[in-house]
Amino acid sequence: MAGICPTCGLPEELCMCEQIAREQQSIVVYTDNRRYGKVMTVVEGFDSSDIDIDSLAKKLKMKCASGGTVKGNKIELQGDHKRKVKETLEEMGFSVTVR
């Protein structure tokens, strides 16, 4: 027997908490120049504990075929992947702004 989600009150298999959290986020994607002229794509604006940033970073790294890391509430990817990251996050239900 499935339990009830304490946040949204729905059965756990119908829980909408993560989808609601995704819609409320205002994600910003931009590039930053690092040492030796290397470009880093930075994804920030995650302010909810309902989103698993580590698994999201793993999906983005696989989609962009690049390395990267999570620092605090930011995801950093090696290279310029703004377009691909924006498309991927919008498919997942996030609202994304590119700078």
Protein backbone atom coordinates (compact mmCIF):
# COMPACT_ATOMS: atom_id res chain seq x y z
CA MET A 1 0.00 0.00 0.00
CA ALA A 2 1.40 3.39 -1.00
CA GLY A 3 1.72 6.26 1.43
CA ILE A 4 0.54 9.84 1.17
CA CYS A 5 2.99 12.64 0.32
CA PRO A 6 3.14 15.03 3.30
CA THR A 7 3.75 18.05 1.06
CA CYS A 8 1.10 17.84 -1.67
CA GLY A 9 -1.28 15.34 -0.03
CA LEU A 10 -1.46 13.03 -3.04
CA PRO A 11 -0.57 9.33 -3.07
CA GLU A 12 3.18 8.89 -3.53
CA GLU A 13 2.87 7.45 -7.05
CA LEU A 14 0.94 10.60 -8.12
CA CYS A 15 3.10 13.08 -6.16
CA MET A 16 3.52 16.40 -7.99
CA CYS A 17 6.05 18.04 -5.64
CA GLU A 18 9.05 17.83 -7.97
CA GLN A 19 7.06 19.03 -11.00
CA ILE A 20 5.68 21.99 -9.02
CA ALA A 21 9.17 22.80 -7.74
CA ARG A 22 10.53 22.74 -11.31
CA GLU A 23 7.87 25.16 -12.54
CA GLN A 24 8.61 27.60 -9.71
CA GLN A 25 12.36 27.74 -10.37
CA SER A 26 13.85 30.59 -12.40
CA ILE A 27 16.99 28.99 -13.83
CA VAL A 28 19.75 31.14 -15.37
CA VAL A 29 22.29 29.67 -17.82
CA TYR A 30 25.43 31.62 -18.72
CA THR A 31 29.06 31.10 -19.69
CA ASP A 32 32.08 32.11 -17.68
CA ASN A 33 35.71 32.29 -18.79
CA ARG A 34 38.13 30.46 -16.55
CA ARG A 35 41.88 30.04 -16.48
CA TYR A 36 43.79 29.58 -19.72
CA GLY A 37 40.81 30.76 -21.80
CA LYS A 38 38.59 27.79 -20.90
CA VAL A 39 34.83 28.35 -21.13
CA MET A 40 32.50 27.03 -18.42
CA THR A 41 28.69 26.87 -18.69
CA VAL A 42 27.08 27.72 -15.34
CA VAL A 43 23.49 26.77 -14.44
CA GLU A 44 22.16 28.46 -11.32
CA GLY A 45 18.90 29.40 -9.65
CA PHE A 46 18.05 26.13 -7.88
CA ASP A 47 16.57 27.16 -4.53
CA SER A 48 14.45 24.17 -3.56
CA SER A 49 15.35 20.99 -1.75
CA ASP A 50 12.78 19.07 -3.84
CA ILE A 51 15.16 18.92 -6.82
CA ASP A 52 18.06 16.46 -6.87
CA ILE A 53 20.83 18.67 -8.29
CA ASP A 54 23.36 15.82 -8.43
CA SER A 55 21.21 13.64 -10.69
CA LEU A 56 20.28 16.68 -12.80
CA ALA A 57 23.98 17.49 -13.26
CA LYS A 58 24.64 13.90 -14.29
CA LYS A 59 21.89 14.09 -16.94
CA LEU A 60 23.23 17.40 -18.27
CA LYS A 61 26.80 16.07 -18.44
CA MET A 62 25.61 13.03 -20.39
CA LYS A 63 23.48 15.15 -22.74
CA CYS A 64 26.35 17.60 -23.42
CA ALA A 65 29.08 14.92 -23.47
CA SER A 66 31.26 16.97 -21.16
CA GLY A 67 32.65 16.98 -17.67
CA GLY A 68 31.29 19.10 -14.89
CA THR A 69 30.59 19.47 -11.21
CA VAL A 70 28.08 20.71 -8.65
CA LYS A 71 29.22 23.57 -6.40
CA GLY A 72 26.65 24.65 -3.86
CA ASN A 73 23.43 25.24 -5.79
CA LYS A 74 25.20 25.68 -9.15
CA ILE A 75 26.01 23.20 -11.90
CA GLU A 76 29.21 23.87 -13.86
CA LEU A 77 29.81 22.18 -17.21
CA GLN A 78 33.04 22.30 -19.20
CA GLY A 79 32.57 24.10 -22.52
CA ASP A 80 29.89 26.31 -24.06
CA HIS A 81 26.61 24.35 -23.90
CA LYS A 82 24.04 27.11 -23.29
CA ARG A 83 21.70 26.10 -26.14
CA LYS A 84 21.75 22.39 -25.35
CA VAL A 85 21.33 22.96 -21.59
CA LYS A 86 18.41 25.35 -22.18
CA GLU A 87 16.63 22.84 -24.45
CA THR A 88 17.19 19.97 -22.02
CA LEU A 89 15.97 21.88 -18.97
CA GLU A 90 12.88 23.17 -20.79
CA GLU A 91 12.01 19.59 -21.81
CA MET A 92 12.21 18.67 -18.12
CA GLY A 93 9.75 21.44 -17.15
CA PHE A 94 12.06 24.23 -15.94
CA SER A 95 11.72 27.87 -16.99
CA VAL A 96 15.15 28.91 -18.29
CA THR A 97 16.76 32.29 -19.04
CA VAL A 98 20.00 32.52 -21.01
CA ARG A 99 22.43 35.38 -20.42
